[in-house]
N, C-alpha and C. Protein backbone atom coordinates (compact mmCIF):
# COMPACT_ATOMS: atom_id res chain seq x y z
N MET A 1 117.01 93.49 81.73
CA MET A 1 117.16 95.05 81.75
C MET A 1 116.92 95.31 83.28
N GLU A 2 117.80 95.94 83.88
CA GLU A 2 117.99 96.33 85.16
C GLU A 2 117.49 97.54 85.61
N LEU A 3 116.45 97.97 86.27
CA LEU A 3 115.79 99.21 86.97
C LEU A 3 116.32 99.35 88.26
N ALA A 4 116.62 100.69 88.29
CA ALA A 4 116.83 101.01 89.69
C ALA A 4 116.37 102.31 90.25
N THR A 5 116.43 102.42 91.78
CA THR A 5 115.70 103.90 92.12
C THR A 5 116.64 104.08 93.47
N HIS A 6 116.91 105.36 93.42
CA HIS A 6 117.86 105.87 94.54
C HIS A 6 117.71 107.24 94.87
N LEU A 7 117.78 107.36 96.21
CA LEU A 7 117.61 108.90 96.52
C LEU A 7 118.99 109.27 97.00
N THR A 8 119.11 110.51 96.75
CA THR A 8 120.42 111.05 96.51
C THR A 8 120.98 111.34 98.11
N PHE A 9 120.00 111.32 98.86
CA PHE A 9 120.58 111.58 100.39
C PHE A 9 121.02 110.27 101.01
N LEU A 10 120.44 109.13 100.54
CA LEU A 10 120.90 107.76 100.77
C LEU A 10 122.29 107.31 100.36
N PRO A 11 123.07 106.81 101.28
CA PRO A 11 124.37 106.21 100.79
C PRO A 11 123.97 104.91 100.11
N THR A 12 124.86 104.54 98.92
CA THR A 12 124.93 103.48 98.26
C THR A 12 125.06 102.17 99.07
N VAL A 13 124.80 100.96 98.25
CA VAL A 13 124.95 99.92 98.81
C VAL A 13 126.53 99.67 99.51
N LEU A 14 127.33 100.45 99.03
CA LEU A 14 128.82 100.36 99.03
C LEU A 14 128.92 101.30 100.33
N GLY A 15 128.31 102.09 100.72
CA GLY A 15 128.20 103.00 101.85
C GLY A 15 128.50 104.44 101.51
N ASP A 16 128.73 104.78 100.18
CA ASP A 16 129.17 106.20 100.16
C ASP A 16 128.19 107.11 99.46
N VAL A 17 128.14 108.32 99.39
CA VAL A 17 127.15 109.24 99.11
C VAL A 17 127.30 109.06 97.55
N PRO A 18 126.02 109.14 96.61
CA PRO A 18 126.29 109.09 95.30
C PRO A 18 126.58 110.35 94.61
N ASN A 19 127.02 110.15 93.17
CA ASN A 19 126.96 111.06 92.44
C ASN A 19 125.96 110.79 91.49
N PRO A 20 124.83 111.57 91.42
CA PRO A 20 123.65 111.19 90.95
C PRO A 20 123.81 111.16 89.41
N LYS A 21 125.07 111.69 88.52
CA LYS A 21 125.29 111.64 87.22
C LYS A 21 125.81 110.46 86.90
N LYS A 22 126.41 109.90 88.08
CA LYS A 22 127.22 108.53 87.85
C LYS A 22 126.79 107.26 88.20
N ILE A 23 125.82 107.21 89.23
CA ILE A 23 125.36 106.24 89.79
C ILE A 23 125.01 105.17 88.77
N ALA A 24 125.56 103.86 89.43
CA ALA A 24 125.05 102.62 88.30
C ALA A 24 124.08 101.74 89.15
N ALA A 25 123.16 101.00 88.49
CA ALA A 25 122.04 100.31 89.03
C ALA A 25 122.48 99.34 89.86
N HIS A 26 123.70 98.96 89.89
CA HIS A 26 123.98 97.99 90.88
C HIS A 26 124.50 98.28 92.28
N ILE A 27 124.54 99.47 92.29
CA ILE A 27 124.84 100.24 93.64
C ILE A 27 123.58 100.97 94.34
N CYS A 28 122.45 100.85 93.39
CA CYS A 28 121.33 101.53 94.13
C CYS A 28 120.78 100.87 95.10
N GLU A 29 119.88 101.50 95.97
CA GLU A 29 119.25 100.92 97.02
C GLU A 29 118.15 99.95 96.56
N PHE A 30 117.61 100.25 95.51
CA PHE A 30 116.13 99.46 95.15
C PHE A 30 116.48 99.31 93.49
N ARG A 31 116.34 97.90 93.54
CA ARG A 31 116.89 97.19 92.02
C ARG A 31 115.90 96.11 91.98
N ARG A 32 115.38 96.04 90.59
CA ARG A 32 114.75 94.93 90.40
C ARG A 32 114.82 94.80 88.57
N ARG A 33 114.63 93.52 88.07
CA ARG A 33 114.72 93.67 86.54
C ARG A 33 113.43 93.73 86.19
N LEU A 34 113.48 94.22 84.90
CA LEU A 34 112.23 94.48 84.10
C LEU A 34 111.55 93.23 83.56
N SER A 35 110.43 92.88 83.76
CA SER A 35 109.93 91.72 83.12
C SER A 35 108.52 91.89 82.78
N PRO A 36 107.98 91.36 81.98
CA PRO A 36 106.47 91.34 81.55
C PRO A 36 105.64 90.38 82.41
N ASP A 37 104.66 91.04 82.86
CA ASP A 37 103.63 90.15 83.52
C ASP A 37 103.91 89.80 84.92
N GLY A 38 104.63 90.55 85.34
CA GLY A 38 105.30 90.40 87.13
C GLY A 38 105.93 89.07 87.19
N THR A 39 106.66 88.49 86.14
CA THR A 39 107.34 87.29 86.29
C THR A 39 108.75 87.74 86.98
N ALA A 40 109.65 86.81 87.40
CA ALA A 40 110.74 87.37 88.44
C ALA A 40 111.79 87.79 87.54
N ASP A 41 111.91 87.37 86.25
CA ASP A 41 113.17 87.58 85.57
C ASP A 41 112.84 87.43 84.00
N HIS A 42 113.44 88.04 83.21
CA HIS A 42 113.25 88.03 81.75
C HIS A 42 114.40 88.31 80.94
N TRP A 43 114.88 87.77 80.12
CA TRP A 43 116.04 88.09 79.25
C TRP A 43 115.43 88.00 77.75
N TRP A 44 115.85 89.42 77.17
CA TRP A 44 115.25 89.56 75.73
C TRP A 44 116.53 88.76 74.91
N SER A 45 115.99 87.96 73.77
CA SER A 45 117.02 87.60 72.95
C SER A 45 117.57 88.60 71.84
N TYR A 46 118.56 88.63 71.73
CA TYR A 46 119.43 89.45 70.50
C TYR A 46 118.63 89.16 69.10
N GLY A 47 118.45 87.87 69.02
CA GLY A 47 117.89 87.24 67.62
C GLY A 47 119.10 86.93 67.13
N THR A 48 118.66 86.42 65.66
CA THR A 48 119.76 85.96 64.90
C THR A 48 119.88 86.97 63.66
N GLY A 49 119.00 87.91 63.38
CA GLY A 49 119.12 89.00 62.56
C GLY A 49 118.29 90.00 62.72
N GLN A 50 118.45 91.05 62.13
CA GLN A 50 117.80 92.46 62.36
C GLN A 50 116.17 92.25 62.63
N VAL A 51 115.63 91.56 61.84
CA VAL A 51 114.28 91.38 62.32
C VAL A 51 113.73 91.05 63.70
N GLU A 52 114.48 90.01 64.28
CA GLU A 52 114.45 89.40 65.60
C GLU A 52 115.00 90.55 66.47
N ALA A 53 115.83 91.04 66.15
CA ALA A 53 116.52 91.97 67.18
C ALA A 53 115.47 93.18 67.47
N ALA A 54 114.88 93.50 66.14
CA ALA A 54 114.14 94.76 66.19
C ALA A 54 112.95 94.41 66.89
N ARG A 55 112.26 93.18 66.86
CA ARG A 55 111.01 92.50 67.50
C ARG A 55 111.55 92.60 69.15
N SER A 56 112.67 92.13 69.44
CA SER A 56 113.02 92.21 71.01
C SER A 56 113.12 93.53 71.48
N VAL A 57 113.67 94.52 70.80
CA VAL A 57 113.66 96.10 71.28
C VAL A 57 112.62 96.57 71.36
N ALA A 58 111.50 96.20 70.29
CA ALA A 58 110.01 96.59 70.39
C ALA A 58 109.53 95.94 71.72
N ASP A 59 109.45 94.66 72.05
CA ASP A 59 108.91 94.31 73.26
C ASP A 59 109.45 94.70 74.45
N LEU A 60 110.55 94.88 74.44
CA LEU A 60 111.51 95.54 75.81
C LEU A 60 110.82 96.95 76.00
N CYS A 61 110.46 97.70 74.99
CA CYS A 61 110.19 99.10 74.98
C CYS A 61 108.63 98.97 75.53
N MET A 62 107.90 98.08 74.93
CA MET A 62 106.82 97.98 75.27
C MET A 62 106.44 97.62 76.77
N THR A 63 107.35 96.54 77.03
CA THR A 63 107.20 96.23 78.74
C THR A 63 107.59 97.30 79.56
N TYR A 64 108.87 98.15 79.24
CA TYR A 64 109.13 98.98 80.09
C TYR A 64 107.95 100.23 80.23
N SER A 65 107.23 100.49 78.99
CA SER A 65 106.06 101.56 79.07
C SER A 65 105.01 100.87 79.99
N ALA A 66 104.92 99.65 79.74
CA ALA A 66 103.69 98.97 80.78
C ALA A 66 104.08 98.89 82.05
N PHE A 67 105.30 98.32 82.42
CA PHE A 67 105.64 97.88 83.88
C PHE A 67 106.46 98.75 84.41
N GLY A 68 107.58 99.34 83.63
CA GLY A 68 108.87 100.20 84.05
C GLY A 68 108.24 101.44 84.56
N GLU A 69 107.78 102.44 83.65
CA GLU A 69 107.08 103.59 83.95
C GLU A 69 106.38 103.74 85.17
N PRO A 70 105.14 102.86 85.03
CA PRO A 70 104.25 102.97 86.34
C PRO A 70 104.95 102.45 87.68
N LEU A 71 105.97 101.82 87.39
CA LEU A 71 106.86 101.43 88.89
C LEU A 71 107.42 102.96 89.26
N PHE A 72 107.97 103.45 88.66
CA PHE A 72 108.81 104.67 88.73
C PHE A 72 108.04 105.87 89.27
N ALA A 73 106.77 106.15 88.51
CA ALA A 73 105.69 107.06 88.57
C ALA A 73 105.12 106.89 90.21
N LYS A 74 104.96 105.65 90.73
CA LYS A 74 104.65 105.36 92.03
C LYS A 74 105.24 106.19 93.17
N PHE A 75 106.65 106.53 92.79
CA PHE A 75 107.45 107.15 93.83
C PHE A 75 107.83 108.81 93.37
N LEU A 76 106.94 109.21 92.71
CA LEU A 76 107.19 110.72 92.23
C LEU A 76 106.09 111.44 92.44
N PRO A 77 105.99 112.49 93.26
CA PRO A 77 107.34 113.14 93.53
C PRO A 77 107.56 112.86 95.04
N PHE A 78 108.80 112.77 95.51
CA PHE A 78 109.12 112.13 96.77
C PHE A 78 108.45 112.97 97.95
N PRO A 79 107.81 112.13 99.16
CA PRO A 79 108.01 110.83 99.47
C PRO A 79 107.06 110.06 98.90
N ALA A 80 106.29 110.16 97.76
CA ALA A 80 105.31 109.21 97.30
C ALA A 80 105.85 107.96 97.40
N GLY A 81 104.92 107.08 97.79
CA GLY A 81 105.03 105.70 97.58
C GLY A 81 105.86 105.36 99.00
N PHE A 82 107.08 106.13 99.17
CA PHE A 82 108.00 105.55 100.41
C PHE A 82 107.03 105.71 101.86
N ASP A 83 105.94 107.01 101.76
CA ASP A 83 105.38 107.23 102.78
C ASP A 83 104.08 106.39 102.91
N GLN A 84 103.96 105.60 102.19
CA GLN A 84 102.93 104.50 102.34
C GLN A 84 103.28 103.17 103.07
N VAL A 85 104.60 103.00 103.00
CA VAL A 85 104.89 101.81 103.71
C VAL A 85 104.95 101.90 105.15
N THR A 86 104.73 100.89 105.81
CA THR A 86 104.58 100.92 107.15
C THR A 86 105.60 99.93 107.88
N PRO A 87 105.98 100.14 109.19
CA PRO A 87 106.89 99.18 109.42
C PRO A 87 105.96 97.98 109.83
N GLU A 88 104.61 97.78 110.11
CA GLU A 88 104.08 96.62 110.32
C GLU A 88 103.86 96.05 108.69
N GLN A 89 103.88 96.58 107.80
CA GLN A 89 104.04 95.83 106.58
C GLN A 89 105.25 95.17 106.57
N LEU A 90 106.47 95.71 106.93
CA LEU A 90 107.84 95.10 106.59
C LEU A 90 107.91 93.95 107.73
N GLN A 91 107.35 94.17 108.81
CA GLN A 91 107.43 93.12 109.97
C GLN A 91 106.98 91.69 109.21
N THR A 92 105.76 92.11 108.55
CA THR A 92 105.16 90.65 107.99
C THR A 92 105.80 90.22 106.46
N GLY A 93 106.78 90.83 106.21
CA GLY A 93 107.60 90.52 105.04
C GLY A 93 107.23 90.93 103.71
N ASN A 94 106.01 92.00 103.85
CA ASN A 94 105.54 92.40 102.63
C ASN A 94 106.44 93.45 102.31
N LEU A 95 107.20 93.14 101.04
CA LEU A 95 107.84 94.05 100.56
C LEU A 95 107.36 94.72 99.44
N THR A 96 106.28 94.38 98.81
CA THR A 96 105.52 94.57 97.70
C THR A 96 105.27 96.18 97.15
N ALA A 97 105.26 96.88 98.25
CA ALA A 97 105.22 98.47 98.11
C ALA A 97 106.55 99.06 97.75
N LEU A 98 107.61 98.52 97.54
CA LEU A 98 108.90 99.15 97.45
C LEU A 98 109.44 99.11 96.17
N PRO A 99 110.10 99.86 95.79
CA PRO A 99 110.64 99.89 94.16
C PRO A 99 111.52 98.92 93.70
N GLY A 100 111.75 98.02 94.35
CA GLY A 100 112.80 96.96 94.23
C GLY A 100 112.82 95.70 95.11
N ASN A 101 113.36 94.73 94.56
CA ASN A 101 113.66 93.76 95.49
C ASN A 101 114.81 93.95 96.45
N THR A 102 114.37 93.52 97.76
CA THR A 102 115.21 93.70 98.95
C THR A 102 114.89 92.82 99.89
N THR A 103 115.49 92.96 101.08
CA THR A 103 115.14 92.05 102.33
C THR A 103 114.59 93.09 103.23
N VAL A 104 113.84 92.37 104.33
CA VAL A 104 113.24 92.98 105.51
C VAL A 104 114.25 94.24 106.04
N CYS A 105 115.21 93.39 106.45
CA CYS A 105 116.22 94.33 107.26
C CYS A 105 116.87 95.45 106.25
N ARG A 106 117.37 95.14 105.11
CA ARG A 106 117.66 96.15 104.18
C ARG A 106 116.42 97.28 104.12
N ALA A 107 115.51 96.90 103.96
CA ALA A 107 114.31 97.66 103.56
C ALA A 107 114.12 98.96 104.79
N ALA A 108 114.23 97.90 106.13
CA ALA A 108 113.94 98.59 107.15
C ALA A 108 115.15 99.81 107.38
N LEU A 109 116.12 99.59 106.90
CA LEU A 109 117.34 100.36 107.31
C LEU A 109 117.14 101.71 106.31
N ALA A 110 116.74 101.39 104.89
CA ALA A 110 116.30 102.56 103.91
C ALA A 110 115.24 103.39 104.57
N LEU A 111 114.32 102.73 104.95
CA LEU A 111 113.04 103.59 105.41
C LEU A 111 113.43 104.36 106.91
N ALA A 112 114.10 103.78 107.47
CA ALA A 112 114.68 104.37 108.76
C ALA A 112 115.38 105.43 108.38
N ARG A 113 116.31 105.56 107.28
CA ARG A 113 116.99 106.76 106.85
C ARG A 113 116.04 107.95 106.17
N ILE A 114 115.05 107.13 105.44
CA ILE A 114 114.07 108.12 104.63
C ILE A 114 113.30 108.67 105.72
N SER A 115 112.73 108.26 106.65
CA SER A 115 112.08 108.80 107.78
C SER A 115 113.00 109.81 108.54
N ARG A 116 114.25 109.46 108.73
CA ARG A 116 115.29 110.61 109.56
C ARG A 116 115.17 111.80 108.60
N TYR A 117 115.36 111.63 107.31
CA TYR A 117 115.65 112.93 106.25
C TYR A 117 114.16 113.58 106.14
N ARG A 118 113.20 113.01 106.58
CA ARG A 118 111.94 113.59 106.59
C ARG A 118 111.37 114.13 108.06
N GLU A 119 112.38 113.89 109.11
CA GLU A 119 112.33 114.35 110.08
C GLU A 119 111.33 113.72 111.05
N GLU A 120 111.15 112.56 110.81
CA GLU A 120 109.94 111.60 111.43
C GLU A 120 110.78 110.56 112.41
N ASP A 121 111.25 111.14 113.38
CA ASP A 121 112.21 110.17 114.12
C ASP A 121 111.62 108.92 114.70
N ALA A 122 110.29 109.28 115.26
CA ALA A 122 109.47 108.20 115.99
C ALA A 122 109.18 107.13 115.06
N LEU A 123 109.02 107.35 113.60
CA LEU A 123 108.79 106.57 112.80
C LEU A 123 110.10 105.52 112.39
N ALA A 124 111.23 106.63 112.22
CA ALA A 124 112.49 105.77 112.07
C ALA A 124 112.95 104.93 113.13
N ALA A 125 112.36 105.13 114.16
CA ALA A 125 112.74 104.24 115.39
C ALA A 125 111.99 102.81 115.27
N ARG A 126 110.81 102.92 114.80
CA ARG A 126 110.10 101.69 114.41
C ARG A 126 110.60 100.96 113.47
N PHE A 127 111.08 101.59 112.26
CA PHE A 127 111.83 100.65 111.24
C PHE A 127 113.12 100.19 111.67
N VAL A 128 113.82 100.82 112.54
CA VAL A 128 115.05 100.11 113.27
C VAL A 128 114.62 98.89 113.99
N GLN A 129 113.63 99.19 114.61
CA GLN A 129 112.97 98.11 115.64
C GLN A 129 112.64 96.76 114.59
N VAL A 130 112.07 97.00 113.36
CA VAL A 130 111.62 96.07 112.47
C VAL A 130 113.14 95.40 112.00
N GLY A 131 114.07 96.30 111.52
CA GLY A 131 115.29 95.65 110.86
C GLY A 131 116.08 94.85 111.93
N LEU A 132 116.20 95.39 113.32
CA LEU A 132 116.98 94.65 114.26
C LEU A 132 116.25 93.40 114.46
N ALA A 133 115.04 93.57 114.46
CA ALA A 133 114.21 92.21 114.99
C ALA A 133 114.44 91.15 113.91
N ASP A 134 114.37 91.54 112.52
CA ASP A 134 114.78 90.72 111.66
C ASP A 134 115.95 90.12 111.58
N LEU A 135 116.78 90.86 111.79
CA LEU A 135 118.42 90.23 111.72
C LEU A 135 118.64 89.55 113.19
N GLU A 136 117.95 89.71 114.39
CA GLU A 136 117.92 88.68 115.38
C GLU A 136 117.26 86.94 115.01
N SER A 137 116.52 87.42 113.71
CA SER A 137 115.98 85.93 113.26
C SER A 137 116.82 85.23 112.08
N ARG A 138 117.90 85.93 111.97
CA ARG A 138 118.82 85.52 111.07
C ARG A 138 120.63 85.61 111.58
N PRO A 139 120.68 84.56 112.43
CA PRO A 139 121.97 84.90 113.20
C PRO A 139 123.16 84.75 112.14
N GLY A 140 124.35 85.69 112.03
CA GLY A 140 125.26 85.91 111.31
C GLY A 140 125.21 86.28 110.15
N LEU A 141 124.07 87.11 109.90
CA LEU A 141 123.67 87.90 108.76
C LEU A 141 123.33 89.36 108.86
N GLY A 142 124.03 90.12 107.98
CA GLY A 142 123.89 91.76 108.12
C GLY A 142 124.57 92.48 108.89
N GLY A 143 125.87 92.19 109.21
CA GLY A 143 126.70 92.89 110.20
C GLY A 143 126.69 94.43 109.64
N ALA A 144 126.93 94.93 108.73
CA ALA A 144 126.92 96.18 108.26
C ALA A 144 125.51 96.85 108.24
N ILE A 145 124.59 96.21 107.86
CA ILE A 145 123.26 96.69 108.24
C ILE A 145 122.77 96.67 109.84
N ARG A 146 123.30 95.89 110.64
CA ARG A 146 123.15 95.70 112.06
C ARG A 146 123.82 97.16 112.51
N VAL A 147 124.89 97.54 112.05
CA VAL A 147 125.82 98.71 112.61
C VAL A 147 125.05 99.73 112.02
N SER A 148 124.64 99.85 110.91
CA SER A 148 123.77 101.00 110.65
C SER A 148 122.32 101.29 111.15
N LEU A 149 121.70 100.18 111.67
CA LEU A 149 120.92 100.47 112.41
C LEU A 149 120.83 100.84 113.76
N GLU A 150 121.87 100.34 114.26
CA GLU A 150 122.24 100.80 115.84
C GLU A 150 122.68 102.07 115.83
N ASP A 151 123.52 102.43 114.63
CA ASP A 151 124.08 103.87 114.35
C ASP A 151 122.89 104.66 114.58
N ILE A 152 121.64 104.71 113.87
CA ILE A 152 120.36 105.32 113.81
C ILE A 152 120.00 105.25 115.12
N ALA A 153 119.59 104.09 115.87
CA ALA A 153 119.00 104.12 116.97
C ALA A 153 119.85 105.00 118.07
N ALA A 154 121.06 105.15 117.91
CA ALA A 154 121.95 105.83 119.11
C ALA A 154 121.77 107.29 118.70
N ALA A 155 121.85 107.83 117.30
CA ALA A 155 121.60 109.26 117.16
C ALA A 155 120.13 109.58 117.49
N LEU A 156 119.33 108.89 117.53
CA LEU A 156 117.75 108.97 118.09
C LEU A 156 117.84 108.91 119.50
N GLY A 157 118.91 108.42 120.15
CA GLY A 157 118.68 108.43 121.52
C GLY A 157 117.90 107.18 122.18
N VAL A 158 117.78 106.46 121.27
CA VAL A 158 117.12 105.03 121.59
C VAL A 158 117.91 104.04 122.11
N ALA A 159 117.79 103.79 123.33
CA ALA A 159 118.54 102.28 123.78
C ALA A 159 118.03 101.37 123.04
N LEU A 160 119.22 100.48 122.69
CA LEU A 160 118.85 99.07 121.86
C LEU A 160 118.24 98.09 122.58
N GLY A 161 118.14 97.99 123.99
CA GLY A 161 117.31 97.24 124.97
C GLY A 161 116.18 97.64 124.77
N SER A 162 115.58 98.66 124.51
CA SER A 162 114.04 98.88 124.24
C SER A 162 113.52 98.46 123.16
N PHE A 163 114.43 97.83 122.18
CA PHE A 163 113.96 97.30 121.01
C PHE A 163 113.46 95.82 121.29
N ALA A 164 113.80 95.34 122.45
CA ALA A 164 113.80 93.72 122.77
C ALA A 164 112.48 93.26 122.70
């Protein structure tokens, strides 16, 4: 089961503005699989009959109540959860405070956009710096992410050389 979180003011991973009534999990900014006990992935069996299927459904529902609901609750109301993530955390590769699996550069872009939305431009610039530094360590990766980070830097009036 895929869990997803997306803020309506963020573009989707495809770059468009989402329709909150129609957005699908696979284009949300933050996604992760529901799994018991913090495991990386879990697949529930349909079973070979109604009894096994009912057990799987009950286990899935119990797992969602134990792990899914608390995950979403950490981020309500906005900006709860997001306002706790720092550029320094991202810089160390610590992405555990986010509502889904992502990369440092992608998280930095999302958090820079969130900071701009919250009119925290100095913080947005720091997230841009982390994202660009992460991309520098991964040559050939993140073309669209790089362009978006550079666009934010330009909108903030920050010279890219000042991030070096």
